[in-house]
Amino acid sequence: MKANTSILAAITIASSLVACNNATTEAKPAPSGKLAGKWVQPIPGQEPAMQGFQLNPDGTASSINMHTLIYDKWELKGDTLILWNHTTGVKVESNSIDTNIVKHITDSTLILTGRNGMEFSYTREK
């Protein structure tokens, strides 16, 4: 009986340690309020020109220096940033939804991971 009690106590302690460890390593969702603002990145091959998007607190979005890709609205679900957009002024106009994981966010930096695993880095424009 004493051996069973010791084993049960050891299992309980081990379970508690695992639960505590998992709680501290889980990713926390990005706060949506922190995402609102203008986020830009250099246009490849046209530096120092910048492009990006503006996320408004009311859930609307707009493009910055992108004339054929127009962002319409945004939503944050957990750590996933969802951006609704459409194209205009191109041969085949379309509607699309971009989904990106918010990998890192500070007051000045946003790093997103796309569906293909590619990372996109943005800085907050003031």
N, C-alpha and C. Protein backbone atom coordinates (compact mmCIF):
# COMPACT_ATOMS: atom_id res chain seq x y z
N MET A 1 0.81 -1.19 0.00
CA MET A 1 0.00 0.00 0.00
C MET A 1 0.86 1.26 0.00
N LYS A 2 1.94 1.22 0.80
CA LYS A 2 2.84 2.37 0.88
C LYS A 2 3.51 2.62 -0.47
N ALA A 3 3.85 1.56 -1.20
CA ALA A 3 4.48 1.69 -2.51
C ALA A 3 3.50 2.31 -3.50
N ASN A 4 2.23 1.90 -3.47
CA ASN A 4 1.21 2.46 -4.37
C ASN A 4 1.02 3.95 -4.12
N THR A 5 1.02 4.35 -2.84
CA THR A 5 0.86 5.77 -2.49
C THR A 5 2.04 6.57 -3.01
N SER A 6 3.25 6.04 -2.90
CA SER A 6 4.44 6.73 -3.39
C SER A 6 4.41 6.87 -4.91
N ILE A 7 3.98 5.83 -5.58
CA ILE A 7 3.90 5.88 -7.05
C ILE A 7 2.85 6.91 -7.48
N LEU A 8 1.69 6.90 -6.81
CA LEU A 8 0.63 7.85 -7.13
C LEU A 8 1.11 9.29 -6.89
N ALA A 9 1.83 9.50 -5.80
CA ALA A 9 2.36 10.83 -5.50
C ALA A 9 3.36 11.26 -6.58
N ALA A 10 4.21 10.37 -7.02
CA ALA A 10 5.21 10.68 -8.05
C ALA A 10 4.53 11.03 -9.38
N ILE A 11 3.48 10.28 -9.72
CA ILE A 11 2.75 10.55 -10.97
C ILE A 11 2.07 11.91 -10.89
N THR A 12 1.48 12.22 -9.74
CA THR A 12 0.80 13.51 -9.57
C THR A 12 1.78 14.67 -9.71
N ILE A 13 2.93 14.56 -9.09
CA ILE A 13 3.95 15.61 -9.16
C ILE A 13 4.45 15.76 -10.61
N ALA A 14 4.72 14.64 -11.26
CA ALA A 14 5.20 14.69 -12.64
C ALA A 14 4.16 15.33 -13.56
N SER A 15 2.88 14.99 -13.37
CA SER A 15 1.81 15.57 -14.18
C SER A 15 1.73 17.07 -13.96
N SER A 16 1.88 17.50 -12.72
CA SER A 16 1.83 18.93 -12.42
C SER A 16 2.97 19.67 -13.09
N LEU A 17 4.16 19.10 -13.07
CA LEU A 17 5.32 19.73 -13.70
C LEU A 17 5.13 19.84 -15.20
N VAL A 18 4.61 18.79 -15.83
CA VAL A 18 4.37 18.82 -17.27
C VAL A 18 3.32 19.86 -17.60
N ALA A 19 2.25 19.93 -16.83
CA ALA A 19 1.19 20.92 -17.08
C ALA A 19 1.73 22.33 -16.94
N CYS A 20 2.54 22.59 -15.93
CA CYS A 20 3.11 23.92 -15.74
C CYS A 20 4.05 24.27 -16.88
N ASN A 21 4.86 23.30 -17.30
CA ASN A 21 5.79 23.54 -18.39
C ASN A 21 5.05 23.85 -19.68
N ASN A 22 3.99 23.11 -20.01
CA ASN A 22 3.22 23.36 -21.22
C ASN A 22 2.55 24.73 -21.18
N ALA A 23 2.11 25.15 -20.03
CA ALA A 23 1.44 26.44 -19.92
C ALA A 23 2.38 27.59 -20.25
N THR A 24 3.64 27.45 -19.94
CA THR A 24 4.58 28.55 -20.18
C THR A 24 5.15 28.55 -21.59
N THR A 25 5.04 27.44 -22.33
CA THR A 25 5.63 27.40 -23.66
C THR A 25 4.61 27.58 -24.77
N GLU A 26 3.30 27.59 -24.45
CA GLU A 26 2.30 27.78 -25.49
C GLU A 26 2.36 29.19 -26.03
N ALA A 27 2.15 29.31 -27.35
CA ALA A 27 2.14 30.63 -27.96
C ALA A 27 0.88 31.37 -27.54
N LYS A 28 1.02 32.63 -27.25
CA LYS A 28 -0.12 33.45 -26.88
C LYS A 28 -0.56 34.24 -28.10
N PRO A 29 -1.88 34.40 -28.29
CA PRO A 29 -2.35 35.16 -29.44
C PRO A 29 -1.87 36.61 -29.38
N ALA A 30 -1.65 37.18 -30.55
CA ALA A 30 -1.26 38.59 -30.62
C ALA A 30 -2.48 39.44 -30.29
N PRO A 31 -2.30 40.49 -29.51
CA PRO A 31 -3.43 41.36 -29.22
C PRO A 31 -3.82 42.17 -30.46
N SER A 32 -5.11 42.17 -30.81
CA SER A 32 -5.53 42.84 -32.04
C SER A 32 -5.29 44.35 -31.97
N GLY A 33 -5.38 44.95 -30.78
CA GLY A 33 -5.13 46.38 -30.64
C GLY A 33 -3.72 46.77 -31.02
N LYS A 34 -2.79 45.86 -30.81
CA LYS A 34 -1.40 46.13 -31.15
C LYS A 34 -1.16 46.09 -32.66
N LEU A 35 -2.05 45.42 -33.39
CA LEU A 35 -1.89 45.31 -34.84
C LEU A 35 -2.37 46.54 -35.60
N ALA A 36 -3.29 47.29 -35.02
CA ALA A 36 -3.82 48.46 -35.72
C ALA A 36 -2.69 49.44 -36.01
N GLY A 37 -2.65 49.93 -37.23
CA GLY A 37 -1.62 50.88 -37.64
C GLY A 37 -1.16 50.62 -39.06
N LYS A 38 -0.15 51.36 -39.48
CA LYS A 38 0.44 51.22 -40.81
C LYS A 38 1.68 50.35 -40.72
N TRP A 39 1.74 49.28 -41.51
CA TRP A 39 2.87 48.35 -41.53
C TRP A 39 3.46 48.33 -42.93
N VAL A 40 4.76 48.60 -43.03
CA VAL A 40 5.41 48.70 -44.34
C VAL A 40 6.71 47.88 -44.40
N GLN A 41 7.12 47.60 -45.62
CA GLN A 41 8.38 46.91 -45.91
C GLN A 41 8.93 47.48 -47.21
N PRO A 42 10.24 47.38 -47.43
CA PRO A 42 10.81 47.89 -48.69
C PRO A 42 10.25 47.13 -49.89
N ILE A 43 10.04 47.84 -50.99
CA ILE A 43 9.64 47.19 -52.23
C ILE A 43 10.91 46.58 -52.83
N PRO A 44 10.94 45.26 -53.03
CA PRO A 44 12.15 44.62 -53.55
C PRO A 44 12.61 45.25 -54.87
N GLY A 45 13.87 45.66 -54.90
CA GLY A 45 14.46 46.26 -56.08
C GLY A 45 14.13 47.73 -56.26
N GLN A 46 13.31 48.29 -55.37
CA GLN A 46 12.95 49.70 -55.49
C GLN A 46 13.18 50.45 -54.18
N GLU A 47 14.10 49.93 -53.36
CA GLU A 47 14.42 50.59 -52.11
C GLU A 47 14.87 52.01 -52.40
N PRO A 48 14.51 52.99 -51.66
CA PRO A 48 13.87 52.97 -50.35
C PRO A 48 12.34 53.06 -50.38
N ALA A 49 11.70 52.86 -51.55
CA ALA A 49 10.24 52.89 -51.61
C ALA A 49 9.66 51.79 -50.73
N MET A 50 8.50 52.08 -50.12
CA MET A 50 7.89 51.14 -49.18
C MET A 50 6.49 50.75 -49.64
N GLN A 51 6.06 49.57 -49.22
CA GLN A 51 4.71 49.08 -49.48
C GLN A 51 4.20 48.37 -48.25
N GLY A 52 2.90 48.17 -48.17
CA GLY A 52 2.36 47.46 -47.02
C GLY A 52 0.86 47.64 -46.91
N PHE A 53 0.40 47.71 -45.66
CA PHE A 53 -1.04 47.81 -45.42
C PHE A 53 -1.30 48.60 -44.14
N GLN A 54 -2.50 49.14 -44.09
CA GLN A 54 -2.95 49.83 -42.88
C GLN A 54 -4.12 49.04 -42.31
N LEU A 55 -4.01 48.69 -41.02
CA LEU A 55 -5.06 47.99 -40.31
C LEU A 55 -5.73 48.98 -39.37
N ASN A 56 -6.99 49.26 -39.61
CA ASN A 56 -7.73 50.22 -38.80
C ASN A 56 -8.43 49.52 -37.63
N PRO A 57 -8.59 50.21 -36.51
CA PRO A 57 -9.23 49.61 -35.33
C PRO A 57 -10.64 49.08 -35.59
N ASP A 58 -11.33 49.62 -36.60
CA ASP A 58 -12.70 49.17 -36.89
C ASP A 58 -12.76 47.92 -37.77
N GLY A 59 -11.59 47.34 -38.11
CA GLY A 59 -11.55 46.12 -38.91
C GLY A 59 -11.41 46.35 -40.40
N THR A 60 -11.40 47.61 -40.83
CA THR A 60 -11.15 47.89 -42.24
C THR A 60 -9.65 47.92 -42.48
N ALA A 61 -9.27 47.75 -43.73
CA ALA A 61 -7.85 47.74 -44.09
C ALA A 61 -7.67 48.47 -45.41
N SER A 62 -6.47 48.92 -45.66
CA SER A 62 -6.15 49.55 -46.95
C SER A 62 -4.71 49.25 -47.32
N SER A 63 -4.43 49.35 -48.60
CA SER A 63 -3.09 49.09 -49.11
C SER A 63 -2.26 50.36 -49.05
N ILE A 64 -0.97 50.18 -48.88
CA ILE A 64 -0.03 51.29 -48.92
C ILE A 64 0.91 51.06 -50.10
N ASN A 65 0.84 51.95 -51.08
CA ASN A 65 1.71 51.93 -52.25
C ASN A 65 1.60 50.64 -53.06
N MET A 66 0.42 50.03 -53.05
CA MET A 66 0.13 48.86 -53.90
C MET A 66 -1.16 49.20 -54.63
N HIS A 67 -1.06 49.47 -55.92
CA HIS A 67 -2.20 50.01 -56.65
C HIS A 67 -3.10 48.93 -57.26
N THR A 68 -2.62 47.71 -57.38
CA THR A 68 -3.46 46.66 -57.95
C THR A 68 -3.96 45.68 -56.89
N LEU A 69 -3.33 45.63 -55.74
CA LEU A 69 -3.78 44.77 -54.64
C LEU A 69 -4.39 45.68 -53.57
N ILE A 70 -5.69 45.56 -53.40
CA ILE A 70 -6.43 46.44 -52.50
C ILE A 70 -6.93 45.64 -51.29
N TYR A 71 -6.46 46.01 -50.11
CA TYR A 71 -6.94 45.37 -48.89
C TYR A 71 -8.26 46.01 -48.47
N ASP A 72 -9.21 45.17 -48.03
CA ASP A 72 -10.54 45.63 -47.69
C ASP A 72 -10.81 45.60 -46.19
N LYS A 73 -10.51 44.47 -45.55
CA LYS A 73 -10.76 44.33 -44.11
C LYS A 73 -9.81 43.31 -43.52
N TRP A 74 -9.76 43.27 -42.18
CA TRP A 74 -8.87 42.35 -41.49
C TRP A 74 -9.53 41.85 -40.21
N GLU A 75 -9.01 40.72 -39.74
CA GLU A 75 -9.48 40.13 -38.49
C GLU A 75 -8.34 39.31 -37.90
N LEU A 76 -8.27 39.28 -36.59
CA LEU A 76 -7.28 38.45 -35.90
C LEU A 76 -8.03 37.35 -35.18
N LYS A 77 -7.72 36.10 -35.51
CA LYS A 77 -8.30 34.94 -34.83
C LYS A 77 -7.15 34.18 -34.20
N GLY A 78 -7.06 34.25 -32.87
CA GLY A 78 -5.92 33.64 -32.19
C GLY A 78 -4.65 34.33 -32.63
N ASP A 79 -3.73 33.60 -33.24
CA ASP A 79 -2.49 34.20 -33.73
C ASP A 79 -2.50 34.33 -35.26
N THR A 80 -3.69 34.19 -35.89
CA THR A 80 -3.80 34.24 -37.34
C THR A 80 -4.40 35.57 -37.80
N LEU A 81 -3.64 36.28 -38.62
CA LEU A 81 -4.11 37.52 -39.22
C LEU A 81 -4.76 37.18 -40.56
N ILE A 82 -6.04 37.54 -40.69
CA ILE A 82 -6.79 37.29 -41.92
C ILE A 82 -7.00 38.62 -42.62
N LEU A 83 -6.56 38.69 -43.88
CA LEU A 83 -6.68 39.91 -44.68
C LEU A 83 -7.49 39.62 -45.94
N TRP A 84 -8.63 40.31 -46.09
CA TRP A 84 -9.45 40.19 -47.28
C TRP A 84 -8.96 41.24 -48.27
N ASN A 85 -8.83 40.85 -49.54
CA ASN A 85 -8.35 41.78 -50.54
C ASN A 85 -8.97 41.49 -51.90
N HIS A 86 -8.77 42.40 -52.82
CA HIS A 86 -9.15 42.18 -54.20
C HIS A 86 -8.12 42.86 -55.10
N THR A 87 -8.08 42.40 -56.34
CA THR A 87 -7.17 43.01 -57.30
C THR A 87 -7.98 43.86 -58.27
N THR A 88 -7.35 44.89 -58.77
CA THR A 88 -7.99 45.77 -59.73
C THR A 88 -6.93 46.28 -60.70
N GLY A 89 -7.35 46.60 -61.92
CA GLY A 89 -6.40 47.13 -62.90
C GLY A 89 -5.48 46.07 -63.49
N VAL A 90 -5.84 44.82 -63.34
CA VAL A 90 -5.06 43.71 -63.91
C VAL A 90 -5.97 42.94 -64.87
N LYS A 91 -5.39 42.10 -65.70
CA LYS A 91 -6.16 41.38 -66.70
C LYS A 91 -7.29 40.55 -66.08
N VAL A 92 -6.99 39.81 -65.01
CA VAL A 92 -7.99 39.00 -64.33
C VAL A 92 -8.13 39.51 -62.89
N GLU A 93 -9.23 40.22 -62.65
CA GLU A 93 -9.47 40.74 -61.30
C GLU A 93 -10.03 39.61 -60.43
N SER A 94 -9.69 39.64 -59.15
CA SER A 94 -10.13 38.56 -58.26
C SER A 94 -10.26 39.05 -56.83
N ASN A 95 -10.94 38.25 -56.03
CA ASN A 95 -11.03 38.45 -54.58
C ASN A 95 -10.23 37.35 -53.92
N SER A 96 -9.62 37.66 -52.79
CA SER A 96 -8.79 36.66 -52.12
C SER A 96 -8.78 36.93 -50.62
N ILE A 97 -8.39 35.91 -49.88
CA ILE A 97 -8.21 36.03 -48.44
C ILE A 97 -6.82 35.52 -48.11
N ASP A 98 -5.99 36.38 -47.52
CA ASP A 98 -4.65 35.99 -47.08
C ASP A 98 -4.71 35.62 -45.60
N THR A 99 -4.08 34.52 -45.24
CA THR A 99 -3.97 34.14 -43.84
C THR A 99 -2.49 34.03 -43.49
N ASN A 100 -2.11 34.68 -42.42
CA ASN A 100 -0.72 34.68 -41.97
C ASN A 100 -0.68 34.50 -40.46
N ILE A 101 0.32 33.80 -39.98
CA ILE A 101 0.53 33.64 -38.55
C ILE A 101 1.36 34.82 -38.05
N VAL A 102 0.90 35.44 -36.96
CA VAL A 102 1.68 36.51 -36.34
C VAL A 102 2.76 35.84 -35.50
N LYS A 103 3.98 35.85 -36.04
CA LYS A 103 5.09 35.19 -35.37
C LYS A 103 5.66 36.06 -34.26
N HIS A 104 5.73 37.37 -34.52
CA HIS A 104 6.33 38.29 -33.55
C HIS A 104 5.74 39.68 -33.77
N ILE A 105 5.45 40.36 -32.67
CA ILE A 105 4.97 41.73 -32.79
C ILE A 105 5.47 42.54 -31.61
N THR A 106 5.95 43.75 -31.92
CA THR A 106 6.32 44.74 -30.91
C THR A 106 5.64 46.05 -31.34
N ASP A 107 5.94 47.12 -30.66
CA ASP A 107 5.37 48.41 -31.05
C ASP A 107 5.87 48.87 -32.42
N SER A 108 7.03 48.35 -32.86
CA SER A 108 7.62 48.82 -34.12
C SER A 108 7.85 47.74 -35.17
N THR A 109 7.70 46.46 -34.81
CA THR A 109 8.03 45.36 -35.73
C THR A 109 6.91 44.33 -35.77
N LEU A 110 6.62 43.84 -36.98
CA LEU A 110 5.64 42.78 -37.18
C LEU A 110 6.26 41.74 -38.10
N ILE A 111 6.28 40.50 -37.66
CA ILE A 111 6.78 39.40 -38.50
C ILE A 111 5.63 38.41 -38.68
N LEU A 112 5.29 38.17 -39.96
CA LEU A 112 4.22 37.26 -40.32
C LEU A 112 4.81 36.04 -41.02
N THR A 113 4.18 34.89 -40.82
CA THR A 113 4.55 33.69 -41.55
C THR A 113 3.38 33.31 -42.43
N GLY A 114 3.64 33.21 -43.74
CA GLY A 114 2.59 32.88 -44.70
C GLY A 114 2.33 31.39 -44.78
N ARG A 115 1.34 31.04 -45.59
CA ARG A 115 0.95 29.62 -45.75
C ARG A 115 2.10 28.76 -46.23
N ASN A 116 2.98 29.33 -47.03
CA ASN A 116 4.10 28.57 -47.59
C ASN A 116 5.31 28.55 -46.66
N GLY A 117 5.16 29.11 -45.45
CA GLY A 117 6.27 29.14 -44.50
C GLY A 117 7.19 30.34 -44.67
N MET A 118 6.95 31.15 -45.68
CA MET A 118 7.78 32.33 -45.93
C MET A 118 7.47 33.41 -44.89
N GLU A 119 8.52 34.08 -44.42
CA GLU A 119 8.36 35.13 -43.42
C GLU A 119 8.37 36.50 -44.09
N PHE A 120 7.51 37.38 -43.55
CA PHE A 120 7.41 38.75 -44.04
C PHE A 120 7.63 39.68 -42.85
N SER A 121 8.59 40.59 -42.97
CA SER A 121 8.90 41.53 -41.89
C SER A 121 8.40 42.93 -42.25
N TYR A 122 7.74 43.55 -41.30
CA TYR A 122 7.20 44.90 -41.50
C TYR A 122 7.64 45.78 -40.34
N THR A 123 7.72 47.07 -40.60
CA THR A 123 7.94 48.04 -39.54
C THR A 123 6.75 48.97 -39.50
N ARG A 124 6.47 49.46 -38.29
CA ARG A 124 5.32 50.36 -38.14
C ARG A 124 5.72 51.74 -38.67
N GLU A 125 4.88 52.26 -39.55
CA GLU A 125 5.10 53.60 -40.08
C GLU A 125 4.37 54.58 -39.16
N LYS A 126 5.04 55.65 -38.84
CA LYS A 126 4.43 56.62 -37.93
C LYS A 126 3.62 57.64 -38.64
